[in-house]
Amino acid sequence: VSFWLHGGTVGGQQLQMYGTLNYSAQSASVPLAAPVANT
C-alpha cells in the first residue's frame, strides 16, 4: 500500500499502520517515519 503524507504546519506526528483481514485488525503493525512539516 502506498500513500503520501504531509505533516501540516507542525509535523513530527507519531504514527503506525496495521491491516485488517475479514474486517478484523491484525496484530502486526508498522511504525511510520514521522511526517515532515509543510512537506
Full PDB file with SEQRES, HELIX, SHEET, SSBOND, CRYST1, ORIGX, SCALE, CONECT and MASTER records, all heavy atoms in Angstrom:
SEQRES   1 A   39  VAL SER PHE TRP LEU HIS GLY GLY THR VAL GLY GLY GLN          
SEQRES   2 A   39  GLN LEU GLN MET TYR GLY THR LEU ASN TYR SER ALA GLN          
SEQRES   3 A   39  SER ALA SER VAL PRO LEU ALA ALA PRO VAL ALA ASN THR          
SHEET    1 AA1 2 LEU A  15  LEU A  21  0                                        
SHEET    2 AA1 2 SER A  24  LEU A  32 -1                                        
CRYST1    1.000    1.000    1.000  90.00  90.00  90.00 P 1           1          
ORIGX1      1.000000  0.000000  0.000000        0.00000                         
ORIGX2      0.000000  1.000000  0.000000        0.00000                         
ORIGX3      0.000000  0.000000  1.000000        0.00000                         
SCALE1      1.000000  0.000000  0.000000        0.00000                         
SCALE2      0.000000  1.000000  0.000000        0.00000                         
SCALE3      0.000000  0.000000  1.000000        0.00000                         
ATOM      1  N   VAL A   1       0.876  -1.171   0.000  1.00  0.00           N  
ATOM      2  CA  VAL A   1       0.000   0.000   0.000  1.00  0.00           C  
ATOM      3  C   VAL A   1       0.916   1.224   0.000  1.00  0.00           C  
ATOM      4  O   VAL A   1       1.899   1.277   0.754  1.00  0.00           O  
ATOM      5  CB  VAL A   1      -0.891   0.046   1.257  1.00  0.00           C  
ATOM      6  CG1 VAL A   1      -1.738   1.326   1.276  1.00  0.00           C  
ATOM      7  CG2 VAL A   1      -1.791  -1.180   1.316  1.00  0.00           C  
ATOM      8  N   SER A   2       0.607   2.200  -0.835  1.00  0.00           N  
ATOM      9  CA  SER A   2       1.397   3.431  -0.830  1.00  0.00           C  
ATOM     10  C   SER A   2       0.473   4.635  -0.683  1.00  0.00           C  
ATOM     11  O   SER A   2      -0.703   4.591  -1.057  1.00  0.00           O  
ATOM     12  CB  SER A   2       2.242   3.553  -2.097  1.00  0.00           C  
ATOM     13  OG  SER A   2       1.435   3.670  -3.246  1.00  0.00           O  
ATOM     14  N   PHE A   3       1.044   5.709  -0.138  1.00  0.00           N  
ATOM     15  CA  PHE A   3       0.281   6.943   0.077  1.00  0.00           C  
ATOM     16  C   PHE A   3       1.274   8.060   0.321  1.00  0.00           C  
ATOM     17  O   PHE A   3       2.469   7.833   0.541  1.00  0.00           O  
ATOM     18  CB  PHE A   3      -0.687   6.802   1.264  1.00  0.00           C  
ATOM     19  CG  PHE A   3      -0.045   6.244   2.509  1.00  0.00           C  
ATOM     20  CD1 PHE A   3       0.533   7.080   3.456  1.00  0.00           C  
ATOM     21  CD2 PHE A   3      -0.017   4.871   2.730  1.00  0.00           C  
ATOM     22  CE1 PHE A   3       1.133   6.567   4.599  1.00  0.00           C  
ATOM     23  CE2 PHE A   3       0.581   4.348   3.864  1.00  0.00           C  
ATOM     24  CZ  PHE A   3       1.152   5.189   4.798  1.00  0.00           C  
ATOM     25  N   TRP A   4       0.767   9.275   0.292  1.00  0.00           N  
ATOM     26  CA  TRP A   4       1.591  10.463   0.567  1.00  0.00           C  
ATOM     27  C   TRP A   4       1.104  11.124   1.844  1.00  0.00           C  
ATOM     28  O   TRP A   4      -0.105  11.275   2.045  1.00  0.00           O  
ATOM     29  CB  TRP A   4       1.510  11.446  -0.596  1.00  0.00           C  
ATOM     30  CG  TRP A   4       2.215  10.959  -1.828  1.00  0.00           C  
ATOM     31  CD1 TRP A   4       1.757  10.038  -2.737  1.00  0.00           C  
ATOM     32  CD2 TRP A   4       3.513  11.340  -2.289  1.00  0.00           C  
ATOM     33  NE1 TRP A   4       2.681   9.827  -3.728  1.00  0.00           N  
ATOM     34  CE2 TRP A   4       3.769  10.623  -3.480  1.00  0.00           C  
ATOM     35  CE3 TRP A   4       4.473  12.235  -1.820  1.00  0.00           C  
ATOM     36  CZ2 TRP A   4       4.957  10.761  -4.204  1.00  0.00           C  
ATOM     37  CZ3 TRP A   4       5.653  12.381  -2.529  1.00  0.00           C  
ATOM     38  CH2 TRP A   4       5.890  11.653  -3.706  1.00  0.00           C  
ATOM     39  N   LEU A   5       2.053  11.493   2.709  1.00  0.00           N  
ATOM     40  CA  LEU A   5       1.736  12.153   3.980  1.00  0.00           C  
ATOM     41  C   LEU A   5       2.367  13.542   4.008  1.00  0.00           C  
ATOM     42  O   LEU A   5       3.492  13.736   3.543  1.00  0.00           O  
ATOM     43  CB  LEU A   5       2.279  11.359   5.160  1.00  0.00           C  
ATOM     44  CG  LEU A   5       1.492  10.148   5.677  1.00  0.00           C  
ATOM     45  CD1 LEU A   5       2.218   9.550   6.872  1.00  0.00           C  
ATOM     46  CD2 LEU A   5       0.083  10.524   6.047  1.00  0.00           C  
ATOM     47  N   HIS A   6       1.633  14.470   4.600  1.00  0.00           N  
ATOM     48  CA  HIS A   6       2.101  15.853   4.788  1.00  0.00           C  
ATOM     49  C   HIS A   6       1.939  16.162   6.272  1.00  0.00           C  
ATOM     50  O   HIS A   6       0.873  15.951   6.856  1.00  0.00           O  
ATOM     51  CB  HIS A   6       1.241  16.787   3.932  1.00  0.00           C  
ATOM     52  CG  HIS A   6       1.633  18.232   3.942  1.00  0.00           C  
ATOM     53  ND1 HIS A   6       1.491  19.046   5.043  1.00  0.00           N  
ATOM     54  CD2 HIS A   6       2.138  19.017   2.953  1.00  0.00           C  
ATOM     55  CE1 HIS A   6       1.896  20.262   4.734  1.00  0.00           C  
ATOM     56  NE2 HIS A   6       2.298  20.280   3.473  1.00  0.00           N  
ATOM     57  N   GLY A   7       2.999  16.655   6.901  1.00  0.00           N  
ATOM     58  CA  GLY A   7       2.978  16.856   8.343  1.00  0.00           C  
ATOM     59  C   GLY A   7       2.244  18.078   8.831  1.00  0.00           C  
ATOM     60  O   GLY A   7       2.280  18.373  10.037  1.00  0.00           O  
ATOM     61  N   GLY A   8       1.548  18.810   7.937  1.00  0.00           N  
ATOM     62  CA  GLY A   8       0.884  20.036   8.364  1.00  0.00           C  
ATOM     63  C   GLY A   8       1.901  21.092   8.765  1.00  0.00           C  
ATOM     64  O   GLY A   8       3.069  21.031   8.385  1.00  0.00           O  
ATOM     65  N   THR A   9       1.484  22.028   9.538  1.00  0.00           N  
ATOM     66  CA  THR A   9       2.386  23.120   9.938  1.00  0.00           C  
ATOM     67  C   THR A   9       3.341  22.720  11.050  1.00  0.00           C  
ATOM     68  O   THR A   9       4.332  23.411  11.308  1.00  0.00           O  
ATOM     69  CB  THR A   9       1.571  24.341  10.394  1.00  0.00           C  
ATOM     70  OG1 THR A   9       0.720  23.954  11.481  1.00  0.00           O  
ATOM     71  CG2 THR A   9       0.722  24.883   9.251  1.00  0.00           C  
ATOM     72  N   VAL A  10       3.060  21.588  11.715  1.00  0.00           N  
ATOM     73  CA  VAL A  10       3.880  21.175  12.858  1.00  0.00           C  
ATOM     74  C   VAL A  10       4.779  19.991  12.506  1.00  0.00           C  
ATOM     75  O   VAL A  10       5.991  20.016  12.716  1.00  0.00           O  
ATOM     76  CB  VAL A  10       2.987  20.828  14.071  1.00  0.00           C  
ATOM     77  CG1 VAL A  10       3.840  20.331  15.242  1.00  0.00           C  
ATOM     78  CG2 VAL A  10       2.160  22.035  14.484  1.00  0.00           C  
ATOM     79  N   GLY A  11       4.207  18.926  11.956  1.00  0.00           N  
ATOM     80  CA  GLY A  11       4.966  17.722  11.635  1.00  0.00           C  
ATOM     81  C   GLY A  11       5.303  16.922  12.879  1.00  0.00           C  
ATOM     82  O   GLY A  11       4.932  17.266  14.005  1.00  0.00           O  
ATOM     83  N   GLY A  12       6.027  15.820  12.671  1.00  0.00           N  
ATOM     84  CA  GLY A  12       6.506  15.014  13.794  1.00  0.00           C  
ATOM     85  C   GLY A  12       5.471  14.106  14.419  1.00  0.00           C  
ATOM     86  O   GLY A  12       5.708  13.556  15.504  1.00  0.00           O  
ATOM     87  N   GLN A  13       4.319  13.904  13.791  1.00  0.00           N  
ATOM     88  CA  GLN A  13       3.302  13.033  14.362  1.00  0.00           C  
ATOM     89  C   GLN A  13       3.835  11.593  14.487  1.00  0.00           C  
ATOM     90  O   GLN A  13       4.563  11.107  13.619  1.00  0.00           O  
ATOM     91  CB  GLN A  13       2.042  13.033  13.480  1.00  0.00           C  
ATOM     92  CG  GLN A  13       1.300  14.355  13.449  1.00  0.00           C  
ATOM     93  CD  GLN A  13       1.843  15.330  12.417  1.00  0.00           C  
ATOM     94  OE1 GLN A  13       2.836  15.058  11.750  1.00  0.00           O  
ATOM     95  NE2 GLN A  13       1.177  16.466  12.264  1.00  0.00           N  
ATOM     96  N   GLN A  14       3.462  10.942  15.569  1.00  0.00           N  
ATOM     97  CA  GLN A  14       3.883   9.552  15.804  1.00  0.00           C  
ATOM     98  C   GLN A  14       2.777   8.622  15.319  1.00  0.00           C  
ATOM     99  O   GLN A  14       1.689   8.567  15.909  1.00  0.00           O  
ATOM    100  CB  GLN A  14       4.184   9.333  17.286  1.00  0.00           C  
ATOM    101  CG  GLN A  14       5.324  10.207  17.797  1.00  0.00           C  
ATOM    102  CD  GLN A  14       5.622   9.960  19.263  1.00  0.00           C  
ATOM    103  OE1 GLN A  14       5.895   8.837  19.676  1.00  0.00           O  
ATOM    104  NE2 GLN A  14       5.587  11.026  20.053  1.00  0.00           N  
ATOM    105  N   LEU A  15       3.080   7.886  14.260  1.00  0.00           N  
ATOM    106  CA  LEU A  15       2.062   7.093  13.579  1.00  0.00           C  
ATOM    107  C   LEU A  15       2.554   5.672  13.333  1.00  0.00           C  
ATOM    108  O   LEU A  15       3.752   5.421  13.232  1.00  0.00           O  
ATOM    109  CB  LEU A  15       1.693   7.745  12.242  1.00  0.00           C  
ATOM    110  CG  LEU A  15       1.220   9.204  12.288  1.00  0.00           C  
ATOM    111  CD1 LEU A  15       1.100   9.754  10.869  1.00  0.00           C  
ATOM    112  CD2 LEU A  15      -0.106   9.325  13.031  1.00  0.00           C  
ATOM    113  N   GLN A  16       1.602   4.775  13.218  1.00  0.00           N  
ATOM    114  CA  GLN A  16       1.872   3.407  12.816  1.00  0.00           C  
ATOM    115  C   GLN A  16       0.718   2.925  11.936  1.00  0.00           C  
ATOM    116  O   GLN A  16      -0.321   3.588  11.846  1.00  0.00           O  
ATOM    117  CB  GLN A  16       2.024   2.487  14.031  1.00  0.00           C  
ATOM    118  CG  GLN A  16       0.778   2.376  14.891  1.00  0.00           C  
ATOM    119  CD  GLN A  16       1.017   1.583  16.163  1.00  0.00           C  
ATOM    120  OE1 GLN A  16       2.143   1.216  16.499  1.00  0.00           O  
ATOM    121  NE2 GLN A  16      -0.049   1.303  16.906  1.00  0.00           N  
ATOM    122  N   MET A  17       0.910   1.778  11.296  1.00  0.00           N  
ATOM    123  CA  MET A  17      -0.101   1.279  10.373  1.00  0.00           C  
ATOM    124  C   MET A  17      -0.340  -0.203  10.642  1.00  0.00           C  
ATOM    125  O   MET A  17       0.596  -0.953  10.949  1.00  0.00           O  
ATOM    126  CB  MET A  17       0.395   1.481   8.936  1.00  0.00           C  
ATOM    127  CG  MET A  17      -0.603   1.137   7.858  1.00  0.00           C  
ATOM    128  SD  MET A  17       0.080   1.644   6.248  1.00  0.00           S  
ATOM    129  CE  MET A  17      -1.208   1.045   5.168  1.00  0.00           C  
ATOM    130  N   TYR A  18      -1.591  -0.627  10.553  1.00  0.00           N  
ATOM    131  CA  TYR A  18      -1.925  -2.053  10.661  1.00  0.00           C  
ATOM    132  C   TYR A  18      -2.977  -2.391   9.601  1.00  0.00           C  
ATOM    133  O   TYR A  18      -3.654  -1.515   9.068  1.00  0.00           O  
ATOM    134  CB  TYR A  18      -2.406  -2.421  12.072  1.00  0.00           C  
ATOM    135  CG  TYR A  18      -3.726  -1.813  12.490  1.00  0.00           C  
ATOM    136  CD1 TYR A  18      -4.937  -2.406  12.121  1.00  0.00           C  
ATOM    137  CD2 TYR A  18      -3.767  -0.667  13.277  1.00  0.00           C  
ATOM    138  CE1 TYR A  18      -6.153  -1.845  12.510  1.00  0.00           C  
ATOM    139  CE2 TYR A  18      -4.969  -0.110  13.664  1.00  0.00           C  
ATOM    140  CZ  TYR A  18      -6.163  -0.711  13.277  1.00  0.00           C  
ATOM    141  OH  TYR A  18      -7.376  -0.153  13.657  1.00  0.00           O  
ATOM    142  N   GLY A  19      -3.082  -3.672   9.300  1.00  0.00           N  
ATOM    143  CA  GLY A  19      -4.041  -4.126   8.299  1.00  0.00           C  
ATOM    144  C   GLY A  19      -5.185  -4.901   8.922  1.00  0.00           C  
ATOM    145  O   GLY A  19      -5.145  -5.269  10.104  1.00  0.00           O  
ATOM    146  N   THR A  20      -6.221  -5.159   8.104  1.00  0.00           N  
ATOM    147  CA  THR A  20      -7.363  -5.947   8.567  1.00  0.00           C  
ATOM    148  C   THR A  20      -7.642  -7.081   7.586  1.00  0.00           C  
ATOM    149  O   THR A  20      -7.535  -6.916   6.367  1.00  0.00           O  
ATOM    150  CB  THR A  20      -8.635  -5.091   8.716  1.00  0.00           C  
ATOM    151  OG1 THR A  20      -8.993  -4.523   7.444  1.00  0.00           O  
ATOM    152  CG2 THR A  20      -8.415  -3.967   9.708  1.00  0.00           C  
ATOM    153  N   LEU A  21      -7.972  -8.226   8.136  1.00  0.00           N  
ATOM    154  CA  LEU A  21      -8.423  -9.380   7.365  1.00  0.00           C  
ATOM    155  C   LEU A  21      -9.845  -9.705   7.785  1.00  0.00           C  
ATOM    156  O   LEU A  21     -10.125  -9.840   8.977  1.00  0.00           O  
ATOM    157  CB  LEU A  21      -7.521 -10.593   7.606  1.00  0.00           C  
ATOM    158  CG  LEU A  21      -6.060 -10.471   7.133  1.00  0.00           C  
ATOM    159  CD1 LEU A  21      -5.290 -11.731   7.501  1.00  0.00           C  
ATOM    160  CD2 LEU A  21      -5.991 -10.208   5.640  1.00  0.00           C  
ATOM    161  N   ASN A  22     -10.731  -9.770   6.793  1.00  0.00           N  
ATOM    162  CA  ASN A  22     -12.149 -10.020   7.064  1.00  0.00           C  
ATOM    163  C   ASN A  22     -12.667  -9.079   8.155  1.00  0.00           C  
ATOM    164  O   ASN A  22     -13.391  -9.475   9.054  1.00  0.00           O  
ATOM    165  CB  ASN A  22     -12.374 -11.487   7.446  1.00  0.00           C  
ATOM    166  CG  ASN A  22     -13.824 -11.904   7.280  1.00  0.00           C  
ATOM    167  OD1 ASN A  22     -14.595 -11.274   6.556  1.00  0.00           O  
ATOM    168  ND2 ASN A  22     -14.211 -12.968   7.968  1.00  0.00           N  
ATOM    169  N   TYR A  23     -12.229  -7.816   8.081  1.00  0.00           N  
ATOM    170  CA  TYR A  23     -12.665  -6.720   8.944  1.00  0.00           C  
ATOM    171  C   TYR A  23     -12.158  -6.827  10.381  1.00  0.00           C  
ATOM    172  O   TYR A  23     -12.656  -6.140  11.266  1.00  0.00           O  
ATOM    173  CB  TYR A  23     -14.197  -6.594   8.918  1.00  0.00           C  
ATOM    174  CG  TYR A  23     -14.718  -6.493   7.509  1.00  0.00           C  
ATOM    175  CD1 TYR A  23     -15.309  -7.585   6.891  1.00  0.00           C  
ATOM    176  CD2 TYR A  23     -14.557  -5.321   6.768  1.00  0.00           C  
ATOM    177  CE1 TYR A  23     -15.759  -7.504   5.572  1.00  0.00           C  
ATOM    178  CE2 TYR A  23     -14.997  -5.233   5.451  1.00  0.00           C  
ATOM    179  CZ  TYR A  23     -15.596  -6.330   4.861  1.00  0.00           C  
ATOM    180  OH  TYR A  23     -16.016  -6.251   3.560  1.00  0.00           O  
ATOM    181  N   SER A  24     -11.146  -7.676  10.600  1.00  0.00           N  
ATOM    182  CA  SER A  24     -10.544  -7.795  11.931  1.00  0.00           C  
ATOM    183  C   SER A  24      -9.106  -7.294  11.892  1.00  0.00           C  
ATOM    184  O   SER A  24      -8.335  -7.664  10.996  1.00  0.00           O  
ATOM    185  CB  SER A  24     -10.558  -9.255  12.404  1.00  0.00           C  
ATOM    186  OG  SER A  24     -11.882  -9.702  12.575  1.00  0.00           O  
ATOM    187  N   ALA A  25      -8.744  -6.451  12.868  1.00  0.00           N  
ATOM    188  CA  ALA A  25      -7.393  -5.900  12.926  1.00  0.00           C  
ATOM    189  C   ALA A  25      -6.377  -7.002  13.181  1.00  0.00           C  
ATOM    190  O   ALA A  25      -6.607  -7.909  13.991  1.00  0.00           O  
ATOM    191  CB  ALA A  25      -7.309  -4.846  14.018  1.00  0.00           C  
ATOM    192  N   GLN A  26      -5.239  -6.925  12.493  1.00  0.00           N  
ATOM    193  CA  GLN A  26      -4.149  -7.880  12.687  1.00  0.00           C  
ATOM    194  C   GLN A  26      -3.154  -7.329  13.700  1.00  0.00           C  
ATOM    195  O   GLN A  26      -3.038  -6.123  13.906  1.00  0.00           O  
ATOM    196  CB  GLN A  26      -3.471  -8.160  11.354  1.00  0.00           C  
ATOM    197  CG  GLN A  26      -4.411  -8.733  10.312  1.00  0.00           C  
ATOM    198  CD  GLN A  26      -5.078 -10.014  10.778  1.00  0.00           C  
ATOM    199  OE1 GLN A  26      -4.433 -11.050  10.929  1.00  0.00           O  
ATOM    200  NE2 GLN A  26      -6.381  -9.945  11.022  1.00  0.00           N  
ATOM    201  N   SER A  27      -2.425  -8.243  14.327  1.00  0.00           N  
ATOM    202  CA  SER A  27      -1.518  -7.831  15.402  1.00  0.00           C  
ATOM    203  C   SER A  27      -0.272  -7.115  14.875  1.00  0.00           C  
ATOM    204  O   SER A  27       0.332  -6.308  15.587  1.00  0.00           O  
ATOM    205  CB  SER A  27      -1.088  -9.050  16.224  1.00  0.00           C  
ATOM    206  OG  SER A  27      -0.448 -10.013  15.390  1.00  0.00           O  
ATOM    207  N   ALA A  28       0.120  -7.400  13.628  1.00  0.00           N  
ATOM    208  CA  ALA A  28       1.320  -6.765  13.076  1.00  0.00           C  
ATOM    209  C   ALA A  28       1.083  -5.276  12.860  1.00  0.00           C  
ATOM    210  O   ALA A  28       0.018  -4.863  12.392  1.00  0.00           O  
ATOM    211  CB  ALA A  28       1.700  -7.428  11.755  1.00  0.00           C  
ATOM    212  N   SER A  29       2.058  -4.468  13.214  1.00  0.00           N  
ATOM    213  CA  SER A  29       1.966  -3.026  12.963  1.00  0.00           C  
ATOM    214  C   SER A  29       3.313  -2.523  12.459  1.00  0.00           C  
ATOM    215  O   SER A  29       4.360  -3.088  12.793  1.00  0.00           O  
ATOM    216  CB  SER A  29       1.555  -2.261  14.226  1.00  0.00           C  
ATOM    217  OG  SER A  29       2.518  -2.428  15.247  1.00  0.00           O  
ATOM    218  N   VAL A  30       3.261  -1.495  11.650  1.00  0.00           N  
ATOM    219  CA  VAL A  30       4.472  -0.945  11.036  1.00  0.00           C  
ATOM    220  C   VAL A  30       4.630   0.506  11.472  1.00  0.00           C  
ATOM    221  O   VAL A  30       3.779   1.348  11.152  1.00  0.00           O  
ATOM    222  CB  VAL A  30       4.379  -1.023   9.503  1.00  0.00           C  
ATOM    223  CG1 VAL A  30       5.607  -0.382   8.857  1.00  0.00           C  
ATOM    224  CG2 VAL A  30       4.230  -2.465   9.036  1.00  0.00           C  
ATOM    225  N   PRO A  31       5.697   0.856  12.197  1.00  0.00           N  
ATOM    226  CA  PRO A  31       5.929   2.262  12.540  1.00  0.00           C  
ATOM    227  C   PRO A  31       6.213   3.066  11.271  1.00  0.00           C  
ATOM    228  O   PRO A  31       6.912   2.598  10.364  1.00  0.00           O  
ATOM    229  CB  PRO A  31       7.170   2.207  13.445  1.00  0.00           C  
ATOM    230  CG  PRO A  31       7.285   0.772  13.877  1.00  0.00           C  
ATOM    231  CD  PRO A  31       6.721  -0.042  12.776  1.00  0.00           C  
ATOM    232  N   LEU A  32       5.669   4.259  11.213  1.00  0.00           N  
ATOM    233  CA  LEU A  32       5.884   5.141  10.071  1.00  0.00           C  
ATOM    234  C   LEU A  32       6.831   6.264  10.460  1.00  0.00           C  
ATOM    235  O   LEU A  32       6.727   6.811  11.562  1.00  0.00           O  
ATOM    236  CB  LEU A  32       4.558   5.729   9.585  1.00  0.00           C  
ATOM    237  CG  LEU A  32       3.475   4.723   9.162  1.00  0.00           C  
ATOM    238  CD1 LEU A  32       2.198   5.466   8.755  1.00  0.00           C  
ATOM    239  CD2 LEU A  32       3.960   3.838   8.023  1.00  0.00           C  
ATOM    240  N   ALA A  33       7.722   6.595   9.563  1.00  0.00           N  
ATOM    241  CA  ALA A  33       8.607   7.734   9.815  1.00  0.00           C  
ATOM    242  C   ALA A  33       7.771   8.989  10.028  1.00  0.00           C  
ATOM    243  O   ALA A  33       6.751   9.200   9.353  1.00  0.00           O  
ATOM    244  CB  ALA A  33       9.557   7.920   8.635  1.00  0.00           C  
ATOM    245  N   ALA A  34       8.164   9.808  10.987  1.00  0.00           N  
ATOM    246  CA  ALA A  34       7.382  10.994  11.326  1.00  0.00           C  
ATOM    247  C   ALA A  34       7.243  11.917  10.114  1.00  0.00           C  
ATOM    248  O   ALA A  34       8.234  12.219   9.442  1.00  0.00           O  
ATOM    249  CB  ALA A  34       8.047  11.743  12.478  1.00  0.00           C  
ATOM    250  N   PRO A  35       6.018  12.350   9.814  1.00  0.00           N  
ATOM    251  CA  PRO A  35       5.839  13.305   8.711  1.00  0.00           C  
ATOM    252  C   PRO A  35       6.604  14.599   8.974  1.00  0.00           C  
ATOM    253  O   PRO A  35       6.806  15.008  10.117  1.00  0.00           O  
ATOM    254  CB  PRO A  35       4.322  13.547   8.712  1.00  0.00           C  
ATOM    255  CG  PRO A  35       3.734  12.362   9.412  1.00  0.00           C  
ATOM    256  CD  PRO A  35       4.744  11.960  10.435  1.00  0.00           C  
ATOM    257  N   VAL A  36       7.012  15.234   7.882  1.00  0.00           N  
ATOM    258  CA  VAL A  36       7.769  16.479   7.962  1.00  0.00           C  
ATOM    259  C   VAL A  36       6.819  17.658   7.766  1.00  0.00           C  
ATOM    260  O   VAL A  36       5.908  17.607   6.936  1.00  0.00           O  
ATOM    261  CB  VAL A  36       8.875  16.510   6.893  1.00  0.00           C  
ATOM    262  CG1 VAL A  36       9.637  17.827   6.917  1.00  0.00           C  
ATOM    263  CG2 VAL A  36       9.827  15.330   7.092  1.00  0.00           C  
ATOM    264  N   ALA A  37       7.002  18.702   8.529  1.00  0.00           N  
ATOM    265  CA  ALA A  37       6.150  19.891   8.416  1.00  0.00           C  
ATOM    266  C   ALA A  37       6.210  20.469   7.007  1.00  0.00           C  
ATOM    267  O   ALA A  37       7.285  20.579   6.409  1.00  0.00           O  
ATOM    268  CB  ALA A  37       6.582  20.937   9.441  1.00  0.00           C  
ATOM    269  N   ASN A  38       5.053  20.803   6.488  1.00  0.00           N  
ATOM    270  CA  ASN A  38       4.919  21.503   5.209  1.00  0.00           C  
ATOM    271  C   ASN A  38       5.565  20.768   4.031  1.00  0.00           C  
ATOM    272  O   ASN A  38       6.007  21.387   3.058  1.00  0.00           O  
ATOM    273  CB  ASN A  38       5.512  22.922   5.308  1.00  0.00           C  
ATOM    274  CG  ASN A  38       4.851  23.736   6.403  1.00  0.00           C  
ATOM    275  OD1 ASN A  38       3.623  23.815   6.484  1.00  0.00           O  
ATOM    276  ND2 ASN A  38       5.663  24.331   7.270  1.00  0.00           N  
ATOM    277  N   THR A  39       5.618  19.437   4.120  1.00  0.00           N  
ATOM    278  CA  THR A  39       6.286  18.650   3.085  1.00  0.00           C  
ATOM    279  C   THR A  39       5.500  17.370   2.824  1.00  0.00           C  
ATOM    280  O   THR A  39       5.068  16.703   3.761  1.00  0.00           O  
ATOM    281  CB  THR A  39       7.719  18.270   3.519  1.00  0.00           C  
ATOM    282  OG1 THR A  39       8.456  19.456   3.802  1.00  0.00           O  
ATOM    283  CG2 THR A  39       8.431  17.478   2.438  1.00  0.00           C  
TER     284      THR A  39                                                      
MASTER        0    0    0    0    2    0    0    6  283    1    0    3          
END                                                                             
